[in-house]
Amino acid sequence: MPDAAASPVRSSRRSARTPIPMETDPMPGLSDHCPGCGRHLVISRFDTTFRMSDASEQLCFAVPGGLCKDCHQLYLDPELVDRLDLGDGRCVFAIESDVVLQERAGSWAD
């Protein structure tokens, strides 16, 4: 994995590498339906990029959330958004975390 200092994306914000506790339910209390369109959400952990109001980008890894496949919205716990200091940011990229995919691959191999 490349060193964060060598990354072309720089931010004056604190690092989003603060570990987020892994739980059985990645989004406790989140409905499994999109508040926007009512369709099913993919509840998982996501690697994300947030564009901040100062045009910097903040990378966050294994963030628990719900992604609507239809309207392409990522829903995060507001408390987590505050904790990661992302309140003025806009999510511009999200993909299911490879940690989740590796866990699934391991369980399929059993």
PDB file of N, CA and C in Angstrom:
ATOM      1  N   MET A   1       0.858  -1.174   0.000  1.00  0.00           N
ATOM      2  CA  MET A   1       0.000   0.000   0.000  1.00  0.00           C
ATOM      3  C   MET A   1       0.898   1.228   0.000  1.00  0.00           C
ATOM      4  N   PRO A   2       0.616   2.224  -0.873  1.00  0.00           N
ATOM      5  CA  PRO A   2       1.465   3.411  -0.926  1.00  0.00           C
ATOM      6  C   PRO A   2       1.391   4.210   0.367  1.00  0.00           C
ATOM      7  N   ASP A   3       2.481   4.899   0.639  1.00  0.00           N
ATOM      8  CA  ASP A   3       2.546   5.752   1.809  1.00  0.00           C
ATOM      9  C   ASP A   3       1.600   6.931   1.630  1.00  0.00           C
ATOM     10  N   ALA A   4       0.832   7.276   2.669  1.00  0.00           N
ATOM     11  CA  ALA A   4      -0.144   8.363   2.581  1.00  0.00           C
ATOM     12  C   ALA A   4       0.532   9.687   2.252  1.00  0.00           C
ATOM     13  N   ALA A   5       1.784   9.870   2.686  1.00  0.00           N
ATOM     14  CA  ALA A   5       2.484  11.124   2.413  1.00  0.00           C
ATOM     15  C   ALA A   5       2.802  11.264   0.928  1.00  0.00           C
ATOM     16  N   ALA A   6       2.898  10.150   0.201  1.00  0.00           N
ATOM     17  CA  ALA A   6       3.213  10.191  -1.221  1.00  0.00           C
ATOM     18  C   ALA A   6       1.972  10.325  -2.088  1.00  0.00           C
ATOM     19  N   SER A   7       0.813  10.273  -1.488  1.00  0.00           N
ATOM     20  CA  SER A   7      -0.445  10.338  -2.229  1.00  0.00           C
ATOM     21  C   SER A   7      -0.638  11.712  -2.845  1.00  0.00           C
ATOM     22  N   PRO A   8      -1.127  11.776  -4.109  1.00  0.00           N
ATOM     23  CA  PRO A   8      -1.380  13.078  -4.717  1.00  0.00           C
ATOM     24  C   PRO A   8      -2.560  13.810  -4.087  1.00  0.00           C
ATOM     25  N   VAL A   9      -3.391  13.103  -3.350  1.00  0.00           N
ATOM     26  CA  VAL A   9      -4.534  13.727  -2.690  1.00  0.00           C
ATOM     27  C   VAL A   9      -4.086  14.127  -1.291  1.00  0.00           C
ATOM     28  N   ARG A  10      -4.104  15.408  -1.040  1.00  0.00           N
ATOM     29  CA  ARG A  10      -3.657  15.907   0.259  1.00  0.00           C
ATOM     30  C   ARG A  10      -4.791  16.662   0.922  1.00  0.00           C
ATOM     31  N   SER A  11      -4.772  16.645   2.221  1.00  0.00           N
ATOM     32  CA  SER A  11      -5.795  17.346   2.977  1.00  0.00           C
ATOM     33  C   SER A  11      -5.187  17.889   4.255  1.00  0.00           C
ATOM     34  N   SER A  12      -5.625  19.065   4.638  1.00  0.00           N
ATOM     35  CA  SER A  12      -5.179  19.619   5.911  1.00  0.00           C
ATOM     36  C   SER A  12      -6.028  19.078   7.057  1.00  0.00           C
ATOM     37  N   ARG A  13      -7.050  18.320   6.724  1.00  0.00           N
ATOM     38  CA  ARG A  13      -7.940  17.757   7.728  1.00  0.00           C
ATOM     39  C   ARG A  13      -7.250  16.595   8.432  1.00  0.00           C
ATOM     40  N   ARG A  14      -7.774  16.235   9.599  1.00  0.00           N
ATOM     41  CA  ARG A  14      -7.208  15.099  10.312  1.00  0.00           C
ATOM     42  C   ARG A  14      -7.435  13.830   9.506  1.00  0.00           C
ATOM     43  N   SER A  15      -6.624  12.863   9.711  1.00  0.00           N
ATOM     44  CA  SER A  15      -6.681  11.631   8.940  1.00  0.00           C
ATOM     45  C   SER A  15      -7.975  10.866   9.205  1.00  0.00           C
ATOM     46  N   ALA A  16      -8.507  10.290   8.153  1.00  0.00           N
ATOM     47  CA  ALA A  16      -9.700   9.458   8.293  1.00  0.00           C
ATOM     48  C   ALA A  16      -9.306   8.009   8.554  1.00  0.00           C
ATOM     49  N   ARG A  17      -8.053   7.770   8.850  1.00  0.00           N
ATOM     50  CA  ARG A  17      -7.601   6.413   9.126  1.00  0.00           C
ATOM     51  C   ARG A  17      -7.890   5.993  10.557  1.00  0.00           C
ATOM     52  N   THR A  18      -8.581   6.833  11.308  1.00  0.00           N
ATOM     53  CA  THR A  18      -9.002   6.463  12.649  1.00  0.00           C
ATOM     54  C   THR A  18      -9.858   5.210  12.532  1.00  0.00           C
ATOM     55  N   PRO A  19      -9.487   4.137  13.223  1.00  0.00           N
ATOM     56  CA  PRO A  19     -10.246   2.899  13.069  1.00  0.00           C
ATOM     57  C   PRO A  19     -11.703   3.071  13.494  1.00  0.00           C
ATOM     58  N   ILE A  20     -12.573   2.527  12.697  1.00  0.00           N
ATOM     59  CA  ILE A  20     -13.997   2.520  13.012  1.00  0.00           C
ATOM     60  C   ILE A  20     -14.296   1.124  13.537  1.00  0.00           C
ATOM     61  N   PRO A  21     -14.839   1.015  14.745  1.00  0.00           N
ATOM     62  CA  PRO A  21     -15.070  -0.307  15.327  1.00  0.00           C
ATOM     63  C   PRO A  21     -15.930  -1.185  14.418  1.00  0.00           C
ATOM     64  N   MET A  22     -15.497  -2.418  14.220  1.00  0.00           N
ATOM     65  CA  MET A  22     -16.263  -3.371  13.425  1.00  0.00           C
ATOM     66  C   MET A  22     -17.377  -3.920  14.317  1.00  0.00           C
ATOM     67  N   GLU A  23     -18.567  -3.937  13.794  1.00  0.00           N
ATOM     68  CA  GLU A  23     -19.726  -4.443  14.519  1.00  0.00           C
ATOM     69  C   GLU A  23     -20.393  -5.509  13.665  1.00  0.00           C
ATOM     70  N   THR A  24     -21.255  -6.276  14.262  1.00  0.00           N
ATOM     71  CA  THR A  24     -22.016  -7.252  13.502  1.00  0.00           C
ATOM     72  C   THR A  24     -22.907  -6.548  12.498  1.00  0.00           C
ATOM     73  N   ASP A  25     -23.597  -5.521  12.933  1.00  0.00           N
ATOM     74  CA  ASP A  25     -24.468  -4.733  12.070  1.00  0.00           C
ATOM     75  C   ASP A  25     -23.734  -3.440  11.740  1.00  0.00           C
ATOM     76  N   PRO A  26     -23.279  -3.257  10.474  1.00  0.00           N
ATOM     77  CA  PRO A  26     -22.503  -2.071  10.159  1.00  0.00           C
ATOM     78  C   PRO A  26     -23.268  -0.760  10.306  1.00  0.00           C
ATOM     79  N   MET A  27     -24.584  -0.788  10.231  1.00  0.00           N
ATOM     80  CA  MET A  27     -25.374   0.435  10.356  1.00  0.00           C
ATOM     81  C   MET A  27     -26.568   0.192  11.259  1.00  0.00           C
ATOM     82  N   PRO A  28     -26.348   0.096  12.565  1.00  0.00           N
ATOM     83  CA  PRO A  28     -27.477  -0.144  13.451  1.00  0.00           C
ATOM     84  C   PRO A  28     -28.491   0.988  13.334  1.00  0.00           C
ATOM     85  N   GLY A  29     -29.736   0.636  13.228  1.00  0.00           N
ATOM     86  CA  GLY A  29     -30.800   1.633  13.171  1.00  0.00           C
ATOM     87  C   GLY A  29     -31.117   2.123  11.769  1.00  0.00           C
ATOM     88  N   LEU A  30     -30.273   1.801  10.781  1.00  0.00           N
ATOM     89  CA  LEU A  30     -30.544   2.236   9.418  1.00  0.00           C
ATOM     90  C   LEU A  30     -31.540   1.287   8.778  1.00  0.00           C
ATOM     91  N   SER A  31     -32.553   1.859   8.172  1.00  0.00           N
ATOM     92  CA  SER A  31     -33.526   1.055   7.446  1.00  0.00           C
ATOM     93  C   SER A  31     -32.827   0.400   6.267  1.00  0.00           C
ATOM     94  N   ASP A  32     -33.326  -0.726   5.813  1.00  0.00           N
ATOM     95  CA  ASP A  32     -32.723  -1.356   4.638  1.00  0.00           C
ATOM     96  C   ASP A  32     -33.349  -0.840   3.344  1.00  0.00           C
ATOM     97  N   HIS A  33     -34.106   0.261   3.449  1.00  0.00           N
ATOM     98  CA  HIS A  33     -34.703   0.882   2.268  1.00  0.00           C
ATOM     99  C   HIS A  33     -34.253   2.336   2.149  1.00  0.00           C
ATOM    100  N   CYS A  34     -34.032   2.775   0.922  1.00  0.00           N
ATOM    101  CA  CYS A  34     -33.559   4.122   0.632  1.00  0.00           C
ATOM    102  C   CYS A  34     -34.611   5.155   1.029  1.00  0.00           C
ATOM    103  N   PRO A  35     -34.228   6.168   1.806  1.00  0.00           N
ATOM    104  CA  PRO A  35     -35.178   7.226   2.158  1.00  0.00           C
ATOM    105  C   PRO A  35     -35.621   8.047   0.943  1.00  0.00           C
ATOM    106  N   GLY A  36     -34.796   8.052  -0.119  1.00  0.00           N
ATOM    107  CA  GLY A  36     -35.114   8.832  -1.313  1.00  0.00           C
ATOM    108  C   GLY A  36     -36.085   8.153  -2.251  1.00  0.00           C
ATOM    109  N   CYS A  37     -35.825   6.878  -2.570  1.00  0.00           N
ATOM    110  CA  CYS A  37     -36.650   6.194  -3.574  1.00  0.00           C
ATOM    111  C   CYS A  37     -37.391   4.977  -3.022  1.00  0.00           C
ATOM    112  N   GLY A  38     -37.062   4.562  -1.791  1.00  0.00           N
ATOM    113  CA  GLY A  38     -37.751   3.432  -1.176  1.00  0.00           C
ATOM    114  C   GLY A  38     -37.234   2.062  -1.582  1.00  0.00           C
ATOM    115  N   ARG A  39     -36.253   2.027  -2.455  1.00  0.00           N
ATOM    116  CA  ARG A  39     -35.708   0.742  -2.899  1.00  0.00           C
ATOM    117  C   ARG A  39     -34.694   0.219  -1.899  1.00  0.00           C
ATOM    118  N   HIS A  40     -34.259  -1.021  -2.094  1.00  0.00           N
ATOM    119  CA  HIS A  40     -33.360  -1.720  -1.183  1.00  0.00           C
ATOM    120  C   HIS A  40     -31.971  -1.086  -1.149  1.00  0.00           C
ATOM    121  N   LEU A  41     -31.399  -0.942   0.062  1.00  0.00           N
ATOM    122  CA  LEU A  41     -30.035  -0.462   0.248  1.00  0.00           C
ATOM    123  C   LEU A  41     -29.075  -1.636   0.404  1.00  0.00           C
ATOM    124  N   VAL A  42     -27.872  -1.479  -0.084  1.00  0.00           N
ATOM    125  CA  VAL A  42     -26.790  -2.423   0.188  1.00  0.00           C
ATOM    126  C   VAL A  42     -26.139  -1.935   1.479  1.00  0.00           C
ATOM    127  N   ILE A  43     -26.314  -2.684   2.556  1.00  0.00           N
ATOM    128  CA  ILE A  43     -25.751  -2.325   3.856  1.00  0.00           C
ATOM    129  C   ILE A  43     -24.414  -3.045   3.974  1.00  0.00           C
ATOM    130  N   SER A  44     -23.332  -2.260   4.090  1.00  0.00           N
ATOM    131  CA  SER A  44     -21.999  -2.848   4.109  1.00  0.00           C
ATOM    132  C   SER A  44     -21.006  -1.819   4.632  1.00  0.00           C
ATOM    133  N   ARG A  45     -19.742  -2.032   4.330  1.00  0.00           N
ATOM    134  CA  ARG A  45     -18.668  -1.074   4.613  1.00  0.00           C
ATOM    135  C   ARG A  45     -18.100  -0.615   3.277  1.00  0.00           C
ATOM    136  N   PHE A  46     -17.808   0.683   3.193  1.00  0.00           N
ATOM    137  CA  PHE A  46     -17.399   1.265   1.923  1.00  0.00           C
ATOM    138  C   PHE A  46     -16.105   2.053   2.073  1.00  0.00           C
ATOM    139  N   ASP A  47     -15.266   1.980   1.034  1.00  0.00           N
ATOM    140  CA  ASP A  47     -14.117   2.863   0.922  1.00  0.00           C
ATOM    141  C   ASP A  47     -14.629   4.065   0.133  1.00  0.00           C
ATOM    142  N   THR A  48     -14.393   5.256   0.662  1.00  0.00           N
ATOM    143  CA  THR A  48     -15.021   6.456   0.100  1.00  0.00           C
ATOM    144  C   THR A  48     -14.025   7.593  -0.098  1.00  0.00           C
ATOM    145  N   THR A  49     -14.409   8.508  -0.972  1.00  0.00           N
ATOM    146  CA  THR A  49     -13.696   9.769  -1.146  1.00  0.00           C
ATOM    147  C   THR A  49     -14.708  10.886  -0.976  1.00  0.00           C
ATOM    148  N   PHE A  50     -14.379  11.824  -0.100  1.00  0.00           N
ATOM    149  CA  PHE A  50     -15.224  13.000   0.119  1.00  0.00           C
ATOM    150  C   PHE A  50     -14.494  14.230  -0.385  1.00  0.00           C
ATOM    151  N   ARG A  51     -15.157  15.041  -1.186  1.00  0.00           N
ATOM    152  CA  ARG A  51     -14.609  16.332  -1.601  1.00  0.00           C
ATOM    153  C   ARG A  51     -15.101  17.365  -0.609  1.00  0.00           C
ATOM    154  N   MET A  52     -14.148  18.059   0.001  1.00  0.00           N
ATOM    155  CA  MET A  52     -14.458  19.018   1.037  1.00  0.00           C
ATOM    156  C   MET A  52     -14.685  20.398   0.417  1.00  0.00           C
ATOM    157  N   SER A  53     -15.248  21.320   1.201  1.00  0.00           N
ATOM    158  CA  SER A  53     -15.581  22.651   0.692  1.00  0.00           C
ATOM    159  C   SER A  53     -14.346  23.442   0.250  1.00  0.00           C
ATOM    160  N   ASP A  54     -13.164  23.090   0.771  1.00  0.00           N
ATOM    161  CA  ASP A  54     -11.932  23.779   0.364  1.00  0.00           C
ATOM    162  C   ASP A  54     -11.267  23.102  -0.843  1.00  0.00           C
ATOM    163  N   ALA A  55     -11.998  22.178  -1.508  1.00  0.00           N
ATOM    164  CA  ALA A  55     -11.554  21.440  -2.698  1.00  0.00           C
ATOM    165  C   ALA A  55     -10.552  20.323  -2.388  1.00  0.00           C
ATOM    166  N   SER A  56     -10.210  20.108  -1.129  1.00  0.00           N
ATOM    167  CA  SER A  56      -9.364  18.967  -0.774  1.00  0.00           C
ATOM    168  C   SER A  56     -10.230  17.705  -0.783  1.00  0.00           C
ATOM    169  N   GLU A  57      -9.566  16.563  -0.753  1.00  0.00           N
ATOM    170  CA  GLU A  57     -10.292  15.301  -0.704  1.00  0.00           C
ATOM    171  C   GLU A  57      -9.892  14.538   0.542  1.00  0.00           C
ATOM    172  N   GLN A  58     -10.869  13.858   1.118  1.00  0.00           N
ATOM    173  CA  GLN A  58     -10.668  13.074   2.333  1.00  0.00           C
ATOM    174  C   GLN A  58     -11.006  11.624   1.999  1.00  0.00           C
ATOM    175  N   LEU A  59     -10.064  10.731   2.200  1.00  0.00           N
ATOM    176  CA  LEU A  59     -10.282   9.309   1.960  1.00  0.00           C
ATOM    177  C   LEU A  59     -10.682   8.637   3.266  1.00  0.00           C
ATOM    178  N   CYS A  60     -11.689   7.804   3.226  1.00  0.00           N
ATOM    179  CA  CYS A  60     -12.144   7.061   4.398  1.00  0.00           C
ATOM    180  C   CYS A  60     -12.290   5.598   3.985  1.00  0.00           C
ATOM    181  N   PHE A  61     -11.863   4.705   4.859  1.00  0.00           N
ATOM    182  CA  PHE A  61     -11.858   3.284   4.534  1.00  0.00           C
ATOM    183  C   PHE A  61     -12.742   2.499   5.496  1.00  0.00           C
ATOM    184  N   ALA A  62     -13.453   1.526   4.937  1.00  0.00           N
ATOM    185  CA  ALA A  62     -14.320   0.614   5.705  1.00  0.00           C
ATOM    186  C   ALA A  62     -15.376   1.385   6.506  1.00  0.00           C
ATOM    187  N   VAL A  63     -15.958   2.391   5.885  1.00  0.00           N
ATOM    188  CA  VAL A  63     -16.992   3.204   6.526  1.00  0.00           C
ATOM    189  C   VAL A  63     -18.328   2.463   6.446  1.00  0.00           C
ATOM    190  N   PRO A  64     -18.984   2.239   7.580  1.00  0.00           N
ATOM    191  CA  PRO A  64     -20.283   1.563   7.540  1.00  0.00           C
ATOM    192  C   PRO A  64     -21.349   2.485   6.947  1.00  0.00           C
ATOM    193  N   GLY A  65     -22.175   1.919   6.083  1.00  0.00           N
ATOM    194  CA  GLY A  65     -23.222   2.727   5.472  1.00  0.00           C
ATOM    195  C   GLY A  65     -24.176   1.899   4.651  1.00  0.00           C
ATOM    196  N   GLY A  66     -25.091   2.599   4.007  1.00  0.00           N
ATOM    197  CA  GLY A  66     -26.068   1.971   3.125  1.00  0.00           C
ATOM    198  C   GLY A  66     -26.021   2.665   1.777  1.00  0.00           C
ATOM    199  N   LEU A  67     -25.878   1.894   0.701  1.00  0.00           N
ATOM    200  CA  LEU A  67     -25.783   2.448  -0.646  1.00  0.00           C
ATOM    201  C   LEU A  67     -26.998   2.031  -1.457  1.00  0.00           C
ATOM    202  N   CYS A  68     -27.648   3.029  -2.053  1.00  0.00           N
ATOM    203  CA  CYS A  68     -28.775   2.747  -2.931  1.00  0.00           C
ATOM    204  C   CYS A  68     -28.237   2.544  -4.342  1.00  0.00           C
ATOM    205  N   LYS A  69     -28.457   1.361  -4.889  1.00  0.00           N
ATOM    206  CA  LYS A  69     -27.987   1.068  -6.242  1.00  0.00           C
ATOM    207  C   LYS A  69     -28.750   1.874  -7.287  1.00  0.00           C
ATOM    208  N   ASP A  70     -29.984   2.231  -6.983  1.00  0.00           N
ATOM    209  CA  ASP A  70     -30.820   2.907  -7.972  1.00  0.00           C
ATOM    210  C   ASP A  70     -30.566   4.409  -8.048  1.00  0.00           C
ATOM    211  N   CYS A  71     -30.531   5.092  -6.902  1.00  0.00           N
ATOM    212  CA  CYS A  71     -30.332   6.546  -6.957  1.00  0.00           C
ATOM    213  C   CYS A  71     -28.905   6.950  -6.598  1.00  0.00           C
ATOM    214  N   HIS A  72     -28.032   5.951  -6.365  1.00  0.00           N
ATOM    215  CA  HIS A  72     -26.599   6.182  -6.164  1.00  0.00           C
ATOM    216  C   HIS A  72     -26.291   7.104  -4.986  1.00  0.00           C
ATOM    217  N   GLN A  73     -27.045   6.946  -3.906  1.00  0.00           N
ATOM    218  CA  GLN A  73     -26.818   7.729  -2.693  1.00  0.00           C
ATOM    219  C   GLN A  73     -26.215   6.831  -1.623  1.00  0.00           C
ATOM    220  N   LEU A  74     -25.246   7.373  -0.908  1.00  0.00           N
ATOM    221  CA  LEU A  74     -24.639   6.670   0.213  1.00  0.00           C
ATOM    222  C   LEU A  74     -25.153   7.299   1.493  1.00  0.00           C
ATOM    223  N   TYR A  75     -25.704   6.485   2.375  1.00  0.00           N
ATOM    224  CA  TYR A  75     -26.253   6.966   3.636  1.00  0.00           C
ATOM    225  C   TYR A  75     -25.343   6.536   4.780  1.00  0.00           C
ATOM    226  N   LEU A  76     -24.909   7.531   5.569  1.00  0.00           N
ATOM    227  CA  LEU A  76     -24.041   7.295   6.716  1.00  0.00           C
ATOM    228  C   LEU A  76     -24.715   7.808   7.971  1.00  0.00           C
ATOM    229  N   ASP A  77     -24.342   7.238   9.085  1.00  0.00           N
ATOM    230  CA  ASP A  77     -24.826   7.693  10.380  1.00  0.00           C
ATOM    231  C   ASP A  77     -24.338   9.129  10.597  1.00  0.00           C
ATOM    232  N   PRO A  78     -25.233  10.088  10.875  1.00  0.00           N
ATOM    233  CA  PRO A  78     -24.817  11.485  11.087  1.00  0.00           C
ATOM    234  C   PRO A  78     -23.765  11.646  12.185  1.00  0.00           C
ATOM    235  N   GLU A  79     -23.836  10.806  13.212  1.00  0.00           N
ATOM    236  CA  GLU A  79     -22.835  10.871  14.281  1.00  0.00           C
ATOM    237  C   GLU A  79     -21.451  10.506  13.741  1.00  0.00           C
ATOM    238  N   LEU A  80     -21.392   9.527  12.845  1.00  0.00           N
ATOM    239  CA  LEU A  80     -20.129   9.130  12.240  1.00  0.00           C
ATOM    240  C   LEU A  80     -19.596  10.243  11.333  1.00  0.00           C
ATOM    241  N   VAL A  81     -20.473  10.902  10.597  1.00  0.00           N
ATOM    242  CA  VAL A  81     -20.077  12.024   9.750  1.00  0.00           C
ATOM    243  C   VAL A  81     -19.427  13.106  10.612  1.00  0.00           C
ATOM    244  N   ASP A  82     -20.017  13.404  11.760  1.00  0.00           N
ATOM    245  CA  ASP A  82     -19.436  14.388  12.678  1.00  0.00           C
ATOM    246  C   ASP A  82     -18.095  13.902  13.225  1.00  0.00           C
ATOM    247  N   ARG A  83     -18.044  12.644  13.609  1.00  0.00           N
ATOM    248  CA  ARG A  83     -16.830  12.072  14.196  1.00  0.00           C
ATOM    249  C   ARG A  83     -15.655  12.125  13.215  1.00  0.00           C
ATOM    250  N   LEU A  84     -15.945  11.917  11.939  1.00  0.00           N
ATOM    251  CA  LEU A  84     -14.896  11.947  10.915  1.00  0.00           C
ATOM    252  C   LEU A  84     -14.673  13.349  10.346  1.00  0.00           C
ATOM    253  N   ASP A  85     -15.414  14.324  10.854  1.00  0.00           N
ATOM    254  CA  ASP A  85     -15.294  15.717  10.420  1.00  0.00           C
ATOM    255  C   ASP A  85     -15.553  15.857   8.917  1.00  0.00           C
ATOM    256  N   LEU A  86     -16.646  15.246   8.459  1.00  0.00           N
ATOM    257  CA  LEU A  86     -17.006  15.270   7.037  1.00  0.00           C
ATOM    258  C   LEU A  86     -18.235  16.116   6.762  1.00  0.00           C
ATOM    259  N   GLY A  87     -18.668  16.904   7.728  1.00  0.00           N
ATOM    260  CA  GLY A  87     -19.914  17.649   7.610  1.00  0.00           C
ATOM    261  C   GLY A  87     -20.004  18.557   6.400  1.00  0.00           C
ATOM    262  N   ASP A  88     -18.880  19.156   5.981  1.00  0.00           N
ATOM    263  CA  ASP A  88     -18.932  20.043   4.817  1.00  0.00           C
ATOM    264  C   ASP A  88     -18.482  19.336   3.542  1.00  0.00           C
ATOM    265  N   GLY A  89     -18.339  18.014   3.610  1.00  0.00           N
ATOM    266  CA  GLY A  89     -17.889  17.251   2.454  1.00  0.00           C
ATOM    267  C   GLY A  89     -19.026  16.644   1.667  1.00  0.00           C
ATOM    268  N   ARG A  90     -18.700  16.247   0.455  1.00  0.00           N
ATOM    269  CA  ARG A  90     -19.657  15.572  -0.423  1.00  0.00           C
ATOM    270  C   ARG A  90     -19.011  14.288  -0.907  1.00  0.00           C
ATOM    271  N   CYS A  91     -19.684  13.171  -0.726  1.00  0.00           N
ATOM    272  CA  CYS A  91     -19.144  11.896  -1.167  1.00  0.00           C
ATOM    273  C   CYS A  91     -19.136  11.878  -2.700  1.00  0.00           C
ATOM    274  N   VAL A  92     -17.947  11.686  -3.279  1.00  0.00           N
ATOM    275  CA  VAL A  92     -17.829  11.662  -4.732  1.00  0.00           C
ATOM    276  C   VAL A  92     -17.461  10.277  -5.256  1.00  0.00           C
ATOM    277  N   PHE A  93     -17.154   9.349  -4.342  1.00  0.00           N
ATOM    278  CA  PHE A  93     -16.820   7.989  -4.751  1.00  0.00           C
ATOM    279  C   PHE A  93     -17.037   7.056  -3.572  1.00  0.00           C
ATOM    280  N   ALA A  94     -17.641   5.905  -3.852  1.00  0.00           N
ATOM    281  CA  ALA A  94     -17.810   4.873  -2.825  1.00  0.00           C
ATOM    282  C   ALA A  94     -17.798   3.511  -3.504  1.00  0.00           C
ATOM    283  N   ILE A  95     -17.087   2.586  -2.902  1.00  0.00           N
ATOM    284  CA  ILE A  95     -17.032   1.213  -3.397  1.00  0.00           C
ATOM    285  C   ILE A  95     -17.017   0.297  -2.184  1.00  0.00           C
ATOM    286  N   GLU A  96     -17.638  -0.857  -2.315  1.00  0.00           N
ATOM    287  CA  GLU A  96     -17.649  -1.780  -1.177  1.00  0.00           C
ATOM    288  C   GLU A  96     -16.215  -2.138  -0.809  1.00  0.00           C
ATOM    289  N   SER A  97     -15.923  -2.069   0.470  1.00  0.00           N
ATOM    290  CA  SER A  97     -14.574  -2.270   0.979  1.00  0.00           C
ATOM    291  C   SER A  97     -14.051  -3.664   0.663  1.00  0.00           C
ATOM    292  N   ASP A  98     -12.768  -3.755   0.324  1.00  0.00           N
ATOM    293  CA  ASP A  98     -12.170  -5.060   0.061  1.00  0.00           C
ATOM    294  C   ASP A  98     -12.130  -5.923   1.308  1.00  0.00           C
ATOM    295  N   VAL A  99     -12.173  -5.295   2.496  1.00  0.00           N
ATOM    296  CA  VAL A  99     -12.235  -6.059   3.753  1.00  0.00           C
ATOM    297  C   VAL A  99     -13.500  -6.914   3.759  1.00  0.00           C
ATOM    298  N   VAL A 100     -14.614  -6.337   3.349  1.00  0.00           N
ATOM    299  CA  VAL A 100     -15.883  -7.063   3.293  1.00  0.00           C
ATOM    300  C   VAL A 100     -15.804  -8.171   2.252  1.00  0.00           C
ATOM    301  N   LEU A 101     -15.259  -7.849   1.098  1.00  0.00           N
ATOM    302  CA  LEU A 101     -15.171  -8.837   0.022  1.00  0.00           C
ATOM    303  C   LEU A 101     -14.265  -9.995   0.412  1.00  0.00           C
ATOM    304  N   GLN A 102     -13.167  -9.715   1.124  1.00  0.00           N
ATOM    305  CA  GLN A 102     -12.280 -10.779   1.584  1.00  0.00           C
ATOM    306  C   GLN A 102     -12.973 -11.657   2.625  1.00  0.00           C
ATOM    307  N   GLU A 103     -13.754 -11.042   3.511  1.00  0.00           N
ATOM    308  CA  GLU A 103     -14.497 -11.821   4.504  1.00  0.00           C
ATOM    309  C   GLU A 103     -15.477 -12.764   3.817  1.00  0.00           C
ATOM    310  N   ARG A 104     -16.167 -12.262   2.795  1.00  0.00           N
ATOM    311  CA  ARG A 104     -17.114 -13.100   2.050  1.00  0.00           C
ATOM    312  C   ARG A 104     -16.399 -14.231   1.343  1.00  0.00           C
ATOM    313  N   ALA A 105     -15.260 -13.943   0.736  1.00  0.00           N
ATOM    314  CA  ALA A 105     -14.499 -14.969   0.023  1.00  0.00           C
ATOM    315  C   ALA A 105     -14.055 -16.059   0.986  1.00  0.00           C
ATOM    316  N   GLY A 106     -13.622 -15.664   2.191  1.00  0.00           N
ATOM    317  CA  GLY A 106     -13.219 -16.633   3.191  1.00  0.00           C
ATOM    318  C   GLY A 106     -14.367 -17.526   3.630  1.00  0.00           C
ATOM    319  N   SER A 107     -15.562 -16.952   3.768  1.00  0.00           N
ATOM    320  CA  SER A 107     -16.705 -17.756   4.202  1.00  0.00           C
ATOM    321  C   SER A 107     -17.185 -18.672   3.078  1.00  0.00           C
ATOM    322  N   TRP A 108     -17.013 -18.261   1.822  1.00  0.00           N
ATOM    323  CA  TRP A 108     -17.386 -19.136   0.709  1.00  0.00           C
ATOM    324  C   TRP A 108     -16.436 -20.319   0.574  1.00  0.00           C
ATOM    325  N   ALA A 109     -15.174 -20.118   0.987  1.00  0.00           N
ATOM    326  CA  ALA A 109     -14.194 -21.181   0.878  1.00  0.00           C
ATOM    327  C   ALA A 109     -14.381 -22.251   1.953  1.00  0.00           C
ATOM    328  N   ASP A 110     -15.071 -21.898   3.036  1.00  0.00           N
ATOM    329  CA  ASP A 110     -15.265 -22.853   4.150  1.00  0.00           C
ATOM    330  C   ASP A 110     -16.197 -23.974   3.797  1.00  0.00           C
TER     331      ASP A 110
END
